Amino acid sequence: MRGHSRGPVSGRSRPVCGVLLVVALAAGLSGCSRGDAATAPVTSPAPGDLLLNIGTILPETGTLAALGPPQVAGVDLAVQDINNAAAGLFTTVEHTDSGDAGDGVAAESASALIADHVSAVIGAVSNDVSRAIVEPLAAAGVVQVSASNTATDFSTVPDHGYYWRTAPSNLLQGRALANQIAADGGTRVSILYMKGEYGLLLDSAITTGLRARGVDVVGEQAFKPGVKDVTELVRAALAPKPDALVVVSFTEIEPIAKQLAASGFDFNTLYGVDGNYGVVDKHEHDVDIAGARFTYPGVIPDETFQARLQDLAASQGSTELTIFSYAAEAYDATTLVALAALQGGATDGTTIRDNLRGVSQGGTACTGFASCAALVKDGADIDYQGVSGPVDFDANGDITAGRLPVYRYATGNLAQFLDEVAATTR
């Protein structure tokens, strides 16, 4: 299937709320992003340009609707930078809704984008929504790049090589947390983990990472999801006298934290993951976990990048962004798709699929579409360095290295950004 691109048109009336935009219409934007020079907006292709049509399946409605705008903004900003580079590739984007898992909205959006002959789709936010669309998109020869999927099963999904992600998998998160514990001086670690794929994978990744750093894992206790009585569980975890305790859970961290407090536990030695980050919050008055540290995927973009996103939103008449979750990863996903098309000399999904890994690693390091595109046009092999960090894809479409934010709780259960920790799955 060969993608095509059309001139700018207004949103069409269809249930998926599809809107085809030429994002470079944002006149008056200033500044540059990681090597892209600020230029007058480019709103139409030049003669001979490759024409790339991409789509998004991101939440406009549903329980995750708040996470849609930052990713849409990241995609739109990347499209603007791609077109402004005037590097022989012109891109348009059609935005559609993902809704919630099980409501059928994402499947309808995928069908609409396939009918419109997009070559690549950025999305979805939710793991469950992506599971519903990954195989239909792959069967149609459409590349899918998620900026926020972390579930491990995507590494082996039957996608014929069409599924990729710029977010770190849970494997990478586990390695990152292990690195943080070791950096904090942990030497004897006990792990409480929830049964099921999520808990088992993270326990394995954390354990492997700790042992690679010379840290002893002195206890591993598994528990059923939804457990309420955690007295014996906590007792067993603390029995080996660990100097650090990891809890891999969802809401189960609440009763665990209360039992830890009753045991006189020092929360400066507690570590958690994305599944339980934020469960204990300022509204919890029965326990205070000040000092605890949590990893959470999704880099915090720098102020320059945030300002560019806000400028673009204002120029489009959109509401000011209040969060920036996965905006950088969405920007990188879009940029990598365009670079893969440029390197392959065509904009169909198969060409993009076959070149994505090549532009992400192994060549001359470059930042921003403009500088990377210049190298590609000169025949160079490139290694794109993203706004979210290095985006080195492996054969499964996973990134092999990255950095994850670490949040530390202050008094009153207020989570505060502490630092970023690097990790690799190599």
Protein backbone atom coordinates (compact mmCIF):
# COMPACT_ATOMS: atom_id res chain seq x y z
CA MET A 1 0.00 0.00 0.00
CA ARG A 2 1.46 3.35 -0.98
CA GLY A 3 0.47 6.33 1.12
CA HIS A 4 -0.70 9.54 -0.44
CA SER A 5 -1.16 13.06 0.79
CA ARG A 6 -3.87 15.54 0.05
CA GLY A 7 -4.02 19.27 0.36
CA PRO A 8 -5.37 20.81 3.55
CA VAL A 9 -9.06 20.31 4.07
CA SER A 10 -11.34 20.93 6.99
CA GLY A 11 -12.52 18.17 9.29
CA ARG A 12 -14.96 15.79 7.67
CA SER A 13 -18.18 14.68 9.28
CA ARG A 14 -17.71 11.14 10.52
CA PRO A 15 -18.20 9.46 13.88
CA VAL A 16 -14.49 9.07 14.52
CA CYS A 17 -14.04 12.84 14.46
CA GLY A 18 -11.34 12.62 11.80
CA VAL A 19 -9.57 15.87 10.96
CA LEU A 20 -7.00 16.12 8.20
CA LEU A 21 -4.62 18.96 8.84
CA VAL A 22 -1.55 20.47 7.33
CA VAL A 23 0.05 21.42 10.60
CA ALA A 24 2.57 23.81 9.14
CA LEU A 25 -0.10 26.53 9.02
CA ALA A 26 1.11 27.81 12.39
CA ALA A 27 2.46 31.15 11.23
CA GLY A 28 4.61 33.20 13.51
CA LEU A 29 6.12 30.38 15.54
CA SER A 30 9.67 30.97 16.60
CA GLY A 31 12.48 28.95 18.11
CA CYS A 32 14.07 25.69 17.07
CA SER A 33 13.94 22.14 18.33
CA ARG A 34 17.02 19.95 18.57
CA GLY A 35 18.57 21.11 15.32
CA ASP A 36 15.55 22.29 13.31
CA ALA A 37 15.90 25.84 12.08
CA ALA A 38 12.95 28.21 12.46
CA THR A 39 11.57 29.04 9.02
CA ALA A 40 8.43 30.45 7.48
CA PRO A 41 5.69 27.81 7.61
CA VAL A 42 5.44 25.49 4.63
CA THR A 43 1.81 24.69 3.80
CA SER A 44 2.05 22.87 0.47
CA PRO A 45 4.43 20.40 -1.16
CA ALA A 46 7.13 21.45 -3.57
CA PRO A 47 7.35 19.81 -6.99
CA GLY A 48 8.88 16.38 -6.66
CA ASP A 49 8.28 16.04 -2.90
CA LEU A 50 7.46 12.64 -1.50
CA LEU A 51 3.93 12.84 -0.07
CA LEU A 52 3.39 11.19 3.31
CA ASN A 53 -0.05 10.83 4.88
CA ILE A 54 -0.13 9.72 8.51
CA GLY A 55 -2.92 9.39 11.05
CA THR A 56 -3.33 9.37 14.80
CA ILE A 57 -5.59 7.26 17.00
CA LEU A 58 -5.47 9.18 20.27
CA PRO A 59 -8.10 9.84 22.96
CA GLU A 60 -10.49 12.71 22.34
CA THR A 61 -13.15 11.01 24.48
CA GLY A 62 -13.14 8.39 27.22
CA THR A 63 -11.27 7.89 30.47
CA LEU A 64 -7.87 8.79 28.99
CA ALA A 65 -9.01 11.90 27.11
CA ALA A 66 -6.65 14.10 29.17
CA LEU A 67 -3.66 12.27 27.65
CA GLY A 68 -4.68 12.99 24.06
CA PRO A 69 -3.80 16.69 23.67
CA PRO A 70 -0.08 16.47 24.54
CA GLN A 71 0.47 13.62 22.08
CA VAL A 72 -1.54 15.36 19.36
CA ALA A 73 0.57 18.48 19.95
CA GLY A 74 3.76 16.44 19.72
CA VAL A 75 2.68 14.95 16.39
CA ASP A 76 1.59 18.32 15.01
CA LEU A 77 4.85 19.99 16.01
CA ALA A 78 6.85 17.23 14.35
CA VAL A 79 4.81 17.56 11.14
CA GLN A 80 5.46 21.29 11.16
CA ASP A 81 9.21 20.73 11.55
CA ILE A 82 9.21 18.06 8.82
CA ASN A 83 7.48 20.33 6.33
CA ASN A 84 9.48 23.42 7.26
CA ALA A 85 12.70 21.52 6.61
CA ALA A 86 11.83 21.45 2.86
CA ALA A 87 13.84 18.24 2.58
CA GLY A 88 11.85 16.61 -0.21
CA LEU A 89 9.10 15.15 1.99
CA PHE A 90 5.70 16.76 2.68
CA THR A 91 3.48 15.34 5.42
CA THR A 92 -0.17 15.66 6.39
CA VAL A 93 -1.86 14.17 9.44
CA GLU A 94 -5.42 13.01 10.06
CA HIS A 95 -6.43 12.94 13.73
CA THR A 96 -9.01 10.42 14.96
CA ASP A 97 -10.38 9.37 18.33
CA SER A 98 -9.38 6.21 20.20
CA GLY A 99 -12.15 6.26 22.80
CA ASP A 100 -11.87 3.57 25.46
CA ALA A 101 -10.99 -0.10 25.17
CA GLY A 102 -14.06 -2.11 24.22
CA ASP A 103 -16.21 0.73 22.88
CA GLY A 104 -15.27 0.15 19.22
CA VAL A 105 -14.17 3.73 18.56
CA ALA A 106 -10.52 2.85 17.91
CA ALA A 107 -11.44 0.05 15.51
CA GLU A 108 -13.66 2.44 13.57
CA SER A 109 -10.88 5.00 13.48
CA ALA A 110 -8.41 2.40 12.22
CA SER A 111 -10.79 1.38 9.46
CA ALA A 112 -11.28 5.01 8.44
CA LEU A 113 -7.54 5.69 8.32
CA ILE A 114 -6.91 2.53 6.32
CA ALA A 115 -9.60 3.64 3.85
CA ASP A 116 -7.88 7.02 3.61
CA HIS A 117 -4.61 5.26 2.71
CA VAL A 118 -2.47 6.49 5.56
CA SER A 119 0.96 4.87 5.70
CA ALA A 120 1.49 5.15 9.45
CA VAL A 121 -0.53 5.71 12.61
CA ILE A 122 0.68 7.27 15.85
CA GLY A 123 -1.14 5.72 18.83
CA ALA A 124 -2.79 4.41 20.80
CA VAL A 125 -2.28 5.65 24.36
CA SER A 126 -3.82 2.64 26.07
CA ASN A 127 -2.27 -0.83 25.87
CA ASP A 128 -5.73 -2.37 25.55
CA VAL A 129 -6.76 -0.03 22.73
CA SER A 130 -3.56 -0.81 20.83
CA ARG A 131 -4.23 -4.52 21.21
CA ALA A 132 -7.53 -3.99 19.40
CA ILE A 133 -5.99 -2.28 16.36
CA VAL A 134 -2.47 -3.63 15.97
CA GLU A 135 -3.39 -6.64 13.83
CA PRO A 136 -5.87 -4.86 11.49
CA LEU A 137 -3.34 -2.09 10.86
CA ALA A 138 -0.55 -4.59 10.23
CA ALA A 139 -2.75 -6.60 7.86
CA ALA A 140 -3.32 -3.42 5.86
CA GLY A 141 0.40 -2.66 5.72
CA VAL A 142 0.11 0.39 7.99
CA VAL A 143 2.92 1.12 10.43
CA GLN A 144 1.81 1.76 14.01
CA VAL A 145 4.03 3.64 16.45
CA SER A 146 2.81 4.10 20.01
CA ALA A 147 4.34 6.80 22.17
CA SER A 148 3.02 5.34 25.42
CA ASN A 149 2.42 1.57 25.27
CA THR A 150 4.53 -0.22 27.89
CA ALA A 151 3.08 -3.75 28.05
CA THR A 152 5.55 -6.51 27.28
CA ASP A 153 3.28 -8.56 25.01
CA PHE A 154 3.75 -6.04 22.19
CA SER A 155 7.30 -7.34 21.82
CA THR A 156 5.91 -10.59 20.42
CA VAL A 157 2.55 -9.57 18.95
CA PRO A 158 1.97 -11.01 15.42
CA ASP A 159 2.41 -7.67 13.66
CA HIS A 160 4.69 -8.66 10.74
CA GLY A 161 7.06 -5.91 11.86
CA TYR A 162 4.55 -3.06 11.57
CA TYR A 163 4.22 -2.26 15.31
CA TRP A 164 6.79 -0.02 17.06
CA ARG A 165 6.90 2.11 20.19
CA THR A 166 8.96 5.03 21.43
CA ALA A 167 7.90 4.49 25.06
CA PRO A 168 10.03 2.23 27.23
CA SER A 169 8.61 -1.23 27.83
CA ASN A 170 8.15 -2.55 31.34
CA LEU A 171 11.36 -4.49 30.82
CA LEU A 172 13.25 -1.21 30.47
CA GLN A 173 11.38 0.29 33.44
CA GLY A 174 12.45 -2.62 35.63
CA ARG A 175 16.09 -2.15 34.66
CA ALA A 176 15.81 1.59 35.36
CA LEU A 177 14.38 1.04 38.83
CA ALA A 178 17.18 -1.42 39.59
CA ASN A 179 19.72 1.20 38.55
CA GLN A 180 18.08 3.77 40.83
CA ILE A 181 18.14 1.43 43.83
CA ALA A 182 21.80 0.63 43.24
CA ALA A 183 22.64 4.32 42.84
CA ASP A 184 20.90 5.04 46.14
CA GLY A 185 23.15 2.52 47.88
CA GLY A 186 20.78 -0.43 48.19
CA THR A 187 22.59 -3.72 48.83
CA ARG A 188 19.85 -6.06 50.12
CA VAL A 189 16.50 -5.80 48.36
CA SER A 190 13.18 -7.48 49.00
CA ILE A 191 10.43 -7.45 46.35
CA LEU A 192 6.67 -7.68 46.74
CA TYR A 193 5.04 -8.26 43.37
CA MET A 194 1.54 -8.85 42.05
CA LYS A 195 0.79 -12.13 40.29
CA GLY A 196 0.12 -11.87 36.57
CA GLU A 197 2.14 -10.76 33.56
CA TYR A 198 2.69 -7.19 34.78
CA GLY A 199 4.09 -8.18 38.15
CA LEU A 200 6.06 -11.20 36.96
CA LEU A 201 7.81 -9.28 34.19
CA LEU A 202 8.74 -6.33 36.36
CA ASP A 203 9.94 -8.61 39.17
CA SER A 204 12.15 -10.46 36.69
CA ALA A 205 13.51 -7.26 35.13
CA ILE A 206 14.21 -5.65 38.50
CA THR A 207 15.85 -8.80 39.87
CA THR A 208 18.03 -9.22 36.79
CA GLY A 209 19.03 -5.56 36.89
CA LEU A 210 19.88 -5.63 40.59
CA ARG A 211 22.01 -8.75 40.33
CA ALA A 212 23.85 -7.25 37.36
CA ARG A 213 24.74 -4.33 39.65
CA GLY A 214 25.95 -6.64 42.42
CA VAL A 215 22.89 -6.10 44.61
CA ASP A 216 21.46 -9.06 46.52
CA VAL A 217 17.77 -9.90 46.19
CA VAL A 218 17.02 -11.32 49.63
CA GLY A 219 13.30 -11.92 49.23
CA GLU A 220 10.54 -12.19 46.64
CA GLN A 221 6.91 -12.45 47.70
CA ALA A 222 4.02 -12.76 45.22
CA PHE A 223 0.44 -11.79 46.03
CA LYS A 224 -2.94 -12.00 44.33
CA PRO A 225 -4.37 -8.83 42.75
CA GLY A 226 -6.81 -7.11 45.09
CA VAL A 227 -5.34 -8.55 48.28
CA LYS A 228 -6.55 -6.77 51.44
CA ASP A 229 -4.93 -8.61 54.34
CA VAL A 230 -1.20 -8.05 53.83
CA THR A 231 0.04 -8.64 57.38
CA GLU A 232 1.90 -11.87 56.64
CA LEU A 233 3.01 -10.63 53.24
CA VAL A 234 4.73 -7.60 54.72
CA ARG A 235 6.18 -9.63 57.59
CA ALA A 236 7.75 -12.07 55.12
CA ALA A 237 9.15 -9.25 52.97
CA LEU A 238 10.80 -7.56 55.96
CA ALA A 239 12.06 -10.75 57.62
CA PRO A 240 15.41 -10.80 55.70
CA LYS A 241 16.06 -7.24 56.95
CA PRO A 242 16.36 -5.60 53.51
CA ASP A 243 17.74 -2.09 53.12
CA ALA A 244 15.32 -1.47 50.23
CA LEU A 245 11.81 -2.74 49.48
CA VAL A 246 10.18 -2.76 46.04
CA VAL A 247 6.42 -2.99 45.64
CA VAL A 248 5.09 -3.92 42.18
CA SER A 249 1.32 -3.47 42.32
CA PHE A 250 -1.68 -1.37 41.46
CA THR A 251 -3.93 -0.17 44.30
CA GLU A 252 -2.58 -2.90 46.58
CA ILE A 253 0.17 -0.51 47.63
CA GLU A 254 -2.30 1.29 49.89
CA PRO A 255 -2.84 -1.54 52.41
CA ILE A 256 0.82 -2.51 52.06
CA ALA A 257 1.94 1.02 52.93
CA LYS A 258 -0.33 1.10 55.98
CA GLN A 259 1.04 -2.22 57.21
CA LEU A 260 4.60 -1.02 56.60
CA ALA A 261 3.89 2.08 58.68
CA ALA A 262 2.53 -0.09 61.49
CA SER A 263 5.81 -2.05 61.34
CA GLY A 264 7.89 1.11 61.77
CA PHE A 265 9.21 0.98 58.21
CA ASP A 266 11.45 3.76 56.87
CA PHE A 267 9.74 4.92 53.67
CA ASN A 268 13.00 6.38 52.38
CA THR A 269 13.78 2.80 51.39
CA LEU A 270 10.50 2.10 49.55
CA TYR A 271 10.41 1.90 45.75
CA GLY A 272 7.43 1.63 43.40
CA VAL A 273 6.55 1.59 39.71
CA ASP A 274 4.10 3.19 37.30
CA GLY A 275 1.29 0.88 38.34
CA ASN A 276 1.20 2.20 41.89
CA TYR A 277 2.59 5.69 41.44
CA GLY A 278 0.01 8.21 42.63
CA VAL A 279 -2.25 5.66 44.37
CA VAL A 280 -1.23 7.05 47.75
CA ASP A 281 -1.84 10.77 47.34
CA LYS A 282 -2.51 13.95 49.29
CA HIS A 283 -6.02 12.76 50.11
CA GLU A 284 -4.64 9.79 52.03
CA HIS A 285 -4.39 10.73 55.71
CA ASP A 286 -3.84 7.33 57.32
CA VAL A 287 -0.28 6.91 56.06
CA ASP A 288 2.48 9.22 54.82
CA ILE A 289 5.08 7.64 52.52
CA ALA A 290 7.44 10.64 52.36
CA GLY A 291 10.80 9.53 50.96
CA ALA A 292 9.45 6.75 48.73
CA ARG A 293 10.64 6.74 45.10
CA PHE A 294 8.75 5.68 41.97
CA THR A 295 9.65 5.30 38.31
CA TYR A 296 7.14 6.44 35.71
CA PRO A 297 7.63 6.22 31.92
CA GLY A 298 7.31 9.39 29.85
CA VAL A 299 10.11 11.95 29.94
CA ILE A 300 9.48 15.49 31.08
CA PRO A 301 10.37 17.64 28.05
CA ASP A 302 12.54 20.68 28.58
CA GLU A 303 11.08 24.17 28.82
CA THR A 304 12.00 25.09 25.24
CA PHE A 305 10.08 22.13 23.85
CA GLN A 306 7.13 22.82 26.15
CA ALA A 307 7.04 26.42 24.96
CA ARG A 308 7.02 25.33 21.32
CA LEU A 309 4.08 23.02 22.02
CA GLN A 310 2.18 25.85 23.72
CA ASP A 311 2.91 28.25 20.86
CA LEU A 312 1.61 25.72 18.36
CA ALA A 313 -1.53 25.07 20.41
CA ALA A 314 -2.21 28.81 20.61
CA SER A 315 -1.68 29.28 16.86
CA GLN A 316 -4.21 26.51 16.18
CA GLY A 317 -6.75 27.97 18.59
CA SER A 318 -6.39 24.97 20.89
CA THR A 319 -6.61 25.02 24.66
CA GLU A 320 -3.34 25.57 26.52
CA LEU A 321 -1.69 22.30 27.48
CA THR A 322 -1.74 21.50 31.18
CA ILE A 323 0.31 18.29 30.96
CA PHE A 324 3.02 17.12 28.58
CA SER A 325 2.81 13.35 29.08
CA TYR A 326 4.35 11.48 26.14
CA ALA A 327 4.45 14.61 23.94
CA ALA A 328 8.18 14.11 23.34
CA GLU A 329 7.70 10.43 22.51
CA ALA A 330 4.92 11.31 20.03
CA TYR A 331 7.16 13.93 18.41
CA ASP A 332 9.93 11.35 18.03
CA ALA A 333 7.54 8.72 16.66
CA THR A 334 6.39 11.07 13.92
CA THR A 335 9.90 12.24 13.08
CA LEU A 336 11.21 8.68 12.83
CA VAL A 337 8.38 7.69 10.47
CA ALA A 338 9.26 10.60 8.19
CA LEU A 339 12.98 9.84 8.28
CA ALA A 340 12.31 6.18 7.45
CA ALA A 341 10.25 7.23 4.42
CA LEU A 342 12.93 9.66 3.31
CA GLN A 343 15.70 7.08 3.65
CA GLY A 344 13.65 4.47 1.79
CA GLY A 345 12.67 6.88 -0.94
CA ALA A 346 8.96 6.03 -0.69
CA THR A 347 6.07 6.61 1.68
CA ASP A 348 4.28 3.26 1.73
CA GLY A 349 4.01 1.40 5.01
CA THR A 350 6.35 -1.40 4.02
CA THR A 351 9.14 1.01 3.10
CA ILE A 352 8.69 2.84 6.41
CA ARG A 353 8.68 -0.44 8.33
CA ASP A 354 11.86 -1.62 6.62
CA ASN A 355 13.76 1.61 7.40
CA LEU A 356 12.61 2.53 10.91
CA ARG A 357 15.27 0.56 12.72
CA GLY A 358 17.99 1.81 10.41
CA VAL A 359 17.34 5.51 11.07
CA SER A 360 17.18 4.94 14.83
CA GLN A 361 20.64 3.54 15.44
CA GLY A 362 24.11 2.73 14.25
CA GLY A 363 24.97 5.72 12.07
CA THR A 364 25.91 9.36 12.47
CA ALA A 365 24.14 10.84 15.50
CA CYS A 366 21.80 13.69 14.61
CA THR A 367 18.98 15.64 16.27
CA GLY A 368 15.91 17.17 14.66
CA PHE A 369 14.38 16.26 11.31
CA ALA A 370 16.16 18.96 9.30
CA SER A 371 19.70 17.97 10.27
CA CYS A 372 18.97 14.24 10.03
CA ALA A 373 17.26 14.65 6.65
CA ALA A 374 20.28 16.52 5.31
CA LEU A 375 22.49 13.58 6.22
CA VAL A 376 20.07 11.10 4.64
CA LYS A 377 20.04 13.10 1.40
CA ASP A 378 23.84 13.00 1.42
CA GLY A 379 23.67 9.21 1.60
CA ALA A 380 24.71 8.90 5.24
CA ASP A 381 23.48 6.29 7.69
CA ILE A 382 21.92 8.14 10.64
CA ASP A 383 21.23 7.59 14.32
CA TYR A 384 18.31 9.82 15.32
CA GLN A 385 18.60 11.24 18.83
CA GLY A 386 15.14 12.18 20.00
CA VAL A 387 13.62 14.80 22.25
CA SER A 388 12.77 11.87 24.54
CA GLY A 389 16.33 10.55 24.40
CA PRO A 390 18.03 7.89 22.28
CA VAL A 391 15.46 5.87 20.33
CA ASP A 392 17.36 2.73 19.37
CA PHE A 393 14.88 0.16 18.06
CA ASP A 394 15.48 -3.56 18.34
CA ALA A 395 14.08 -6.23 16.03
CA ASN A 396 10.79 -6.27 18.00
CA GLY A 397 10.20 -2.54 17.59
CA ASP A 398 11.13 -1.81 21.23
CA ILE A 399 13.59 0.86 22.29
CA THR A 400 16.70 -0.66 23.86
CA ALA A 401 17.78 2.32 25.93
CA GLY A 402 16.12 5.28 27.53
CA ARG A 403 15.74 7.42 30.61
CA LEU A 404 12.80 7.36 32.98
CA PRO A 405 11.70 10.03 35.44
CA VAL A 406 11.98 9.24 39.14
CA TYR A 407 9.52 10.85 41.53
CA ARG A 408 10.05 11.17 45.28
CA TYR A 409 7.27 11.67 47.78
CA ALA A 410 7.42 14.63 50.16
CA THR A 411 5.50 15.07 53.39
CA GLY A 412 1.77 14.98 52.79
CA ASN A 413 2.12 12.37 50.02
CA LEU A 414 3.06 14.99 47.45
CA ALA A 415 5.00 13.48 44.56
CA GLN A 416 7.87 15.60 43.25
CA PHE A 417 10.16 15.06 40.28
CA LEU A 418 13.57 13.95 41.54
CA ASP A 419 15.70 13.00 38.56
CA GLU A 420 15.92 10.77 35.50
CA VAL A 421 17.58 7.38 35.51
CA ALA A 422 19.06 5.75 32.42
CA ALA A 423 18.68 2.09 31.52
CA THR A 424 19.30 -0.33 28.69
CA THR A 425 18.02 -3.77 27.77
CA ARG A 426 21.19 -4.69 25.92
